[in-house]
Amino acid sequence: MSAYVYKSVLKCRTADQALSAMRRQVKKLRKKHPELAACSLADLGLSMEKAGLNATLYFKKKS
């Protein structure tokens, strides 16, 4: 199984902003890392910090 993990700090104040920021981040990662075209977002870890919302995105190869 091939897996990819990316961490980001997202600046957002509401749940709607967080969802939009996560979608933008996934698009940005897919553009920067072409190998993610063969992957799907498998899991998402979130934690709130002073700097913002820490998001850990887990991608795995599509089966």
PDB file of N, CA and C in Angstrom:
ATOM      1  N   MET A   1       0.844  -1.180   0.000  1.00  0.00           N
ATOM      2  CA  MET A   1       0.000   0.000   0.000  1.00  0.00           C
ATOM      3  C   MET A   1       0.888   1.243   0.000  1.00  0.00           C
ATOM      4  N   SER A   2       0.636   2.143  -0.907  1.00  0.00           N
ATOM      5  CA  SER A   2       1.345   3.417  -0.942  1.00  0.00           C
ATOM      6  C   SER A   2       0.481   4.475  -0.272  1.00  0.00           C
ATOM      7  N   ALA A   3       1.101   5.219   0.614  1.00  0.00           N
ATOM      8  CA  ALA A   3       0.367   6.275   1.312  1.00  0.00           C
ATOM      9  C   ALA A   3       1.208   7.541   1.324  1.00  0.00           C
ATOM     10  N   TYR A   4       0.537   8.664   1.330  1.00  0.00           N
ATOM     11  CA  TYR A   4       1.180   9.969   1.378  1.00  0.00           C
ATOM     12  C   TYR A   4       0.529  10.776   2.489  1.00  0.00           C
ATOM     13  N   VAL A   5       1.342  11.483   3.259  1.00  0.00           N
ATOM     14  CA  VAL A   5       0.836  12.282   4.372  1.00  0.00           C
ATOM     15  C   VAL A   5       1.360  13.708   4.216  1.00  0.00           C
ATOM     16  N   TYR A   6       0.461  14.672   4.328  1.00  0.00           N
ATOM     17  CA  TYR A   6       0.818  16.085   4.220  1.00  0.00           C
ATOM     18  C   TYR A   6       0.200  16.833   5.394  1.00  0.00           C
ATOM     19  N   LYS A   7       0.975  17.755   5.960  1.00  0.00           N
ATOM     20  CA  LYS A   7       0.488  18.564   7.083  1.00  0.00           C
ATOM     21  C   LYS A   7       0.409  20.019   6.658  1.00  0.00           C
ATOM     22  N   SER A   8      -0.632  20.698   7.106  1.00  0.00           N
ATOM     23  CA  SER A   8      -0.851  22.103   6.770  1.00  0.00           C
ATOM     24  C   SER A   8      -1.458  22.821   7.961  1.00  0.00           C
ATOM     25  N   VAL A   9      -1.207  24.118   8.033  1.00  0.00           N
ATOM     26  CA  VAL A   9      -1.886  24.976   9.006  1.00  0.00           C
ATOM     27  C   VAL A   9      -2.849  25.844   8.212  1.00  0.00           C
ATOM     28  N   LEU A  10      -4.128  25.739   8.535  1.00  0.00           N
ATOM     29  CA  LEU A  10      -5.175  26.458   7.812  1.00  0.00           C
ATOM     30  C   LEU A  10      -5.691  27.610   8.672  1.00  0.00           C
ATOM     31  N   LYS A  11      -5.812  28.769   8.072  1.00  0.00           N
ATOM     32  CA  LYS A  11      -6.351  29.942   8.771  1.00  0.00           C
ATOM     33  C   LYS A  11      -7.854  29.996   8.509  1.00  0.00           C
ATOM     34  N   CYS A  12      -8.643  29.802   9.546  1.00  0.00           N
ATOM     35  CA  CYS A  12     -10.098  29.841   9.379  1.00  0.00           C
ATOM     36  C   CYS A  12     -10.752  30.122  10.728  1.00  0.00           C
ATOM     37  N   ARG A  13     -11.951  30.673  10.654  1.00  0.00           N
ATOM     38  CA  ARG A  13     -12.695  31.019  11.875  1.00  0.00           C
ATOM     39  C   ARG A  13     -13.981  30.213  12.022  1.00  0.00           C
ATOM     40  N   THR A  14     -14.504  29.711  10.912  1.00  0.00           N
ATOM     41  CA  THR A  14     -15.767  28.973  10.960  1.00  0.00           C
ATOM     42  C   THR A  14     -15.593  27.604  10.309  1.00  0.00           C
ATOM     43  N   ALA A  15     -16.567  26.743  10.526  1.00  0.00           N
ATOM     44  CA  ALA A  15     -16.539  25.414   9.912  1.00  0.00           C
ATOM     45  C   ALA A  15     -16.590  25.517   8.390  1.00  0.00           C
ATOM     46  N   ASP A  16     -17.386  26.445   7.862  1.00  0.00           N
ATOM     47  CA  ASP A  16     -17.462  26.631   6.407  1.00  0.00           C
ATOM     48  C   ASP A  16     -16.114  27.057   5.844  1.00  0.00           C
ATOM     49  N   GLN A  17     -15.446  27.964   6.534  1.00  0.00           N
ATOM     50  CA  GLN A  17     -14.120  28.401   6.089  1.00  0.00           C
ATOM     51  C   GLN A  17     -13.119  27.254   6.157  1.00  0.00           C
ATOM     52  N   ALA A  18     -13.222  26.426   7.191  1.00  0.00           N
ATOM     53  CA  ALA A  18     -12.316  25.283   7.336  1.00  0.00           C
ATOM     54  C   ALA A  18     -12.509  24.304   6.184  1.00  0.00           C
ATOM     55  N   LEU A  19     -13.750  24.004   5.846  1.00  0.00           N
ATOM     56  CA  LEU A  19     -14.027  23.082   4.745  1.00  0.00           C
ATOM     57  C   LEU A  19     -13.500  23.636   3.426  1.00  0.00           C
ATOM     58  N   SER A  20     -13.729  24.907   3.174  1.00  0.00           N
ATOM     59  CA  SER A  20     -13.224  25.538   1.948  1.00  0.00           C
ATOM     60  C   SER A  20     -11.699  25.516   1.914  1.00  0.00           C
ATOM     61  N   ALA A  21     -11.070  25.799   3.049  1.00  0.00           N
ATOM     62  CA  ALA A  21      -9.607  25.798   3.120  1.00  0.00           C
ATOM     63  C   ALA A  21      -9.045  24.401   2.877  1.00  0.00           C
ATOM     64  N   MET A  22      -9.707  23.374   3.406  1.00  0.00           N
ATOM     65  CA  MET A  22      -9.251  21.997   3.182  1.00  0.00           C
ATOM     66  C   MET A  22      -9.383  21.614   1.714  1.00  0.00           C
ATOM     67  N   ARG A  23     -10.486  21.992   1.089  1.00  0.00           N
ATOM     68  CA  ARG A  23     -10.668  21.699  -0.338  1.00  0.00           C
ATOM     69  C   ARG A  23      -9.596  22.387  -1.178  1.00  0.00           C
ATOM     70  N   ARG A  24      -9.306  23.652  -0.864  1.00  0.00           N
ATOM     71  CA  ARG A  24      -8.249  24.375  -1.587  1.00  0.00           C
ATOM     72  C   ARG A  24      -6.899  23.693  -1.391  1.00  0.00           C
ATOM     73  N   GLN A  25      -6.629  23.249  -0.170  1.00  0.00           N
ATOM     74  CA  GLN A  25      -5.352  22.599   0.118  1.00  0.00           C
ATOM     75  C   GLN A  25      -5.218  21.289  -0.653  1.00  0.00           C
ATOM     76  N   VAL A  26      -6.282  20.505  -0.732  1.00  0.00           N
ATOM     77  CA  VAL A  26      -6.241  19.252  -1.494  1.00  0.00           C
ATOM     78  C   VAL A  26      -5.971  19.555  -2.967  1.00  0.00           C
ATOM     79  N   LYS A  27      -6.646  20.553  -3.530  1.00  0.00           N
ATOM     80  CA  LYS A  27      -6.410  20.935  -4.930  1.00  0.00           C
ATOM     81  C   LYS A  27      -4.965  21.365  -5.143  1.00  0.00           C
ATOM     82  N   LYS A  28      -4.445  22.167  -4.205  1.00  0.00           N
ATOM     83  CA  LYS A  28      -3.066  22.648  -4.313  1.00  0.00           C
ATOM     84  C   LYS A  28      -2.078  21.477  -4.251  1.00  0.00           C
ATOM     85  N   LEU A  29      -2.319  20.538  -3.334  1.00  0.00           N
ATOM     86  CA  LEU A  29      -1.437  19.379  -3.212  1.00  0.00           C
ATOM     87  C   LEU A  29      -1.483  18.512  -4.460  1.00  0.00           C
ATOM     88  N   ARG A  30      -2.677  18.292  -5.006  1.00  0.00           N
ATOM     89  CA  ARG A  30      -2.802  17.474  -6.223  1.00  0.00           C
ATOM     90  C   ARG A  30      -2.071  18.120  -7.400  1.00  0.00           C
ATOM     91  N   LYS A  31      -2.102  19.448  -7.466  1.00  0.00           N
ATOM     92  CA  LYS A  31      -1.414  20.153  -8.550  1.00  0.00           C
ATOM     93  C   LYS A  31       0.107  20.056  -8.378  1.00  0.00           C
ATOM     94  N   LYS A  32       0.574  20.196  -7.146  1.00  0.00           N
ATOM     95  CA  LYS A  32       2.009  20.181  -6.862  1.00  0.00           C
ATOM     96  C   LYS A  32       2.601  18.776  -6.904  1.00  0.00           C
ATOM     97  N   HIS A  33       1.793  17.765  -6.576  1.00  0.00           N
ATOM     98  CA  HIS A  33       2.263  16.378  -6.499  1.00  0.00           C
ATOM     99  C   HIS A  33       1.421  15.507  -7.436  1.00  0.00           C
ATOM    100  N   PRO A  34       1.838  15.363  -8.693  1.00  0.00           N
ATOM    101  CA  PRO A  34       1.048  14.612  -9.681  1.00  0.00           C
ATOM    102  C   PRO A  34       0.778  13.156  -9.289  1.00  0.00           C
ATOM    103  N   GLU A  35       1.619  12.575  -8.446  1.00  0.00           N
ATOM    104  CA  GLU A  35       1.401  11.188  -8.022  1.00  0.00           C
ATOM    105  C   GLU A  35       0.090  11.030  -7.253  1.00  0.00           C
ATOM    106  N   LEU A  36      -0.460  12.127  -6.738  1.00  0.00           N
ATOM    107  CA  LEU A  36      -1.727  12.054  -6.002  1.00  0.00           C
ATOM    108  C   LEU A  36      -2.927  11.848  -6.922  1.00  0.00           C
ATOM    109  N   ALA A  37      -2.729  11.958  -8.232  1.00  0.00           N
ATOM    110  CA  ALA A  37      -3.827  11.717  -9.176  1.00  0.00           C
ATOM    111  C   ALA A  37      -4.335  10.285  -9.060  1.00  0.00           C
ATOM    112  N   ALA A  38      -3.454   9.366  -8.681  1.00  0.00           N
ATOM    113  CA  ALA A  38      -3.829   7.960  -8.535  1.00  0.00           C
ATOM    114  C   ALA A  38      -4.262   7.638  -7.107  1.00  0.00           C
ATOM    115  N   CYS A  39      -4.472   8.664  -6.295  1.00  0.00           N
ATOM    116  CA  CYS A  39      -4.809   8.467  -4.879  1.00  0.00           C
ATOM    117  C   CYS A  39      -6.133   9.140  -4.533  1.00  0.00           C
ATOM    118  N   SER A  40      -6.678   8.698  -3.418  1.00  0.00           N
ATOM    119  CA  SER A  40      -7.860   9.366  -2.875  1.00  0.00           C
ATOM    120  C   SER A  40      -7.542   9.785  -1.438  1.00  0.00           C
ATOM    121  N   LEU A  41      -8.243  10.802  -0.981  1.00  0.00           N
ATOM    122  CA  LEU A  41      -8.075  11.249   0.396  1.00  0.00           C
ATOM    123  C   LEU A  41      -8.698  10.185   1.294  1.00  0.00           C
ATOM    124  N   ALA A  42      -7.871   9.534   2.106  1.00  0.00           N
ATOM    125  CA  ALA A  42      -8.333   8.408   2.912  1.00  0.00           C
ATOM    126  C   ALA A  42      -8.726   8.820   4.324  1.00  0.00           C
ATOM    127  N   ASP A  43      -8.055   9.837   4.858  1.00  0.00           N
ATOM    128  CA  ASP A  43      -8.327  10.231   6.234  1.00  0.00           C
ATOM    129  C   ASP A  43      -7.875  11.672   6.429  1.00  0.00           C
ATOM    130  N   LEU A  44      -8.354  12.263   7.482  1.00  0.00           N
ATOM    131  CA  LEU A  44      -8.055  13.655   7.787  1.00  0.00           C
ATOM    132  C   LEU A  44      -7.952  13.795   9.298  1.00  0.00           C
ATOM    133  N   GLY A  45      -6.853  14.356   9.761  1.00  0.00           N
ATOM    134  CA  GLY A  45      -6.684  14.627  11.183  1.00  0.00           C
ATOM    135  C   GLY A  45      -6.712  16.129  11.407  1.00  0.00           C
ATOM    136  N   LEU A  46      -7.431  16.578  12.418  1.00  0.00           N
ATOM    137  CA  LEU A  46      -7.549  18.008  12.708  1.00  0.00           C
ATOM    138  C   LEU A  46      -7.252  18.279  14.174  1.00  0.00           C
ATOM    139  N   SER A  47      -6.532  19.365  14.422  1.00  0.00           N
ATOM    140  CA  SER A  47      -6.329  19.829  15.794  1.00  0.00           C
ATOM    141  C   SER A  47      -6.221  21.345  15.761  1.00  0.00           C
ATOM    142  N   MET A  48      -6.766  21.980  16.774  1.00  0.00           N
ATOM    143  CA  MET A  48      -6.759  23.441  16.840  1.00  0.00           C
ATOM    144  C   MET A  48      -5.540  23.887  17.631  1.00  0.00           C
ATOM    145  N   GLU A  49      -4.791  24.810  17.065  1.00  0.00           N
ATOM    146  CA  GLU A  49      -3.610  25.383  17.698  1.00  0.00           C
ATOM    147  C   GLU A  49      -3.727  26.899  17.632  1.00  0.00           C
ATOM    148  N   LYS A  50      -2.850  27.598  18.320  1.00  0.00           N
ATOM    149  CA  LYS A  50      -2.871  29.063  18.280  1.00  0.00           C
ATOM    150  C   LYS A  50      -2.640  29.588  16.871  1.00  0.00           C
ATOM    151  N   ALA A  51      -1.777  28.911  16.110  1.00  0.00           N
ATOM    152  CA  ALA A  51      -1.440  29.352  14.744  1.00  0.00           C
ATOM    153  C   ALA A  51      -2.590  29.135  13.766  1.00  0.00           C
ATOM    154  N   GLY A  52      -3.523  28.269  14.114  1.00  0.00           N
ATOM    155  CA  GLY A  52      -4.648  27.963  13.230  1.00  0.00           C
ATOM    156  C   GLY A  52      -5.040  26.503  13.352  1.00  0.00           C
ATOM    157  N   LEU A  53      -5.767  26.031  12.382  1.00  0.00           N
ATOM    158  CA  LEU A  53      -6.241  24.651  12.358  1.00  0.00           C
ATOM    159  C   LEU A  53      -5.175  23.782  11.700  1.00  0.00           C
ATOM    160  N   ASN A  54      -4.601  22.857  12.455  1.00  0.00           N
ATOM    161  CA  ASN A  54      -3.620  21.928  11.904  1.00  0.00           C
ATOM    162  C   ASN A  54      -4.369  20.795  11.223  1.00  0.00           C
ATOM    163  N   ALA A  55      -4.090  20.609   9.946  1.00  0.00           N
ATOM    164  CA  ALA A  55      -4.733  19.552   9.178  1.00  0.00           C
ATOM    165  C   ALA A  55      -3.674  18.579   8.689  1.00  0.00           C
ATOM    166  N   THR A  56      -3.890  17.298   8.950  1.00  0.00           N
ATOM    167  CA  THR A  56      -3.029  16.250   8.426  1.00  0.00           C
ATOM    168  C   THR A  56      -3.867  15.460   7.435  1.00  0.00           C
ATOM    169  N   LEU A  57      -3.435  15.465   6.175  1.00  0.00           N
ATOM    170  CA  LEU A  57      -4.176  14.829   5.088  1.00  0.00           C
ATOM    171  C   LEU A  57      -3.493  13.523   4.714  1.00  0.00           C
ATOM    172  N   TYR A  58      -4.247  12.434   4.727  1.00  0.00           N
ATOM    173  CA  TYR A  58      -3.722  11.112   4.413  1.00  0.00           C
ATOM    174  C   TYR A  58      -4.316  10.649   3.085  1.00  0.00           C
ATOM    175  N   PHE A  59      -3.453  10.410   2.116  1.00  0.00           N
ATOM    176  CA  PHE A  59      -3.873   9.916   0.810  1.00  0.00           C
ATOM    177  C   PHE A  59      -3.392   8.482   0.648  1.00  0.00           C
ATOM    178  N   LYS A  60      -4.177   7.646  -0.050  1.00  0.00           N
ATOM    179  CA  LYS A  60      -3.718   6.298  -0.384  1.00  0.00           C
ATOM    180  C   LYS A  60      -4.119   5.982  -1.815  1.00  0.00           C
ATOM    181  N   LYS A  61      -3.385   5.047  -2.408  1.00  0.00           N
ATOM    182  CA  LYS A  61      -3.646   4.650  -3.793  1.00  0.00           C
ATOM    183  C   LYS A  61      -5.059   4.102  -3.912  1.00  0.00           C
ATOM    184  N   LYS A  62      -5.729   4.481  -5.016  1.00  0.00           N
ATOM    185  CA  LYS A  62      -7.068   3.956  -5.279  1.00  0.00           C
ATOM    186  C   LYS A  62      -6.953   2.477  -5.589  1.00  0.00           C
ATOM    187  N   SER A  63      -7.885   1.697  -5.077  1.00  0.00           N
ATOM    188  CA  SER A  63      -7.837   0.249  -5.329  1.00  0.00           C
ATOM    189  C   SER A  63      -8.611  -0.143  -6.555  1.00  0.00           C
TER     190      SER A  63
END
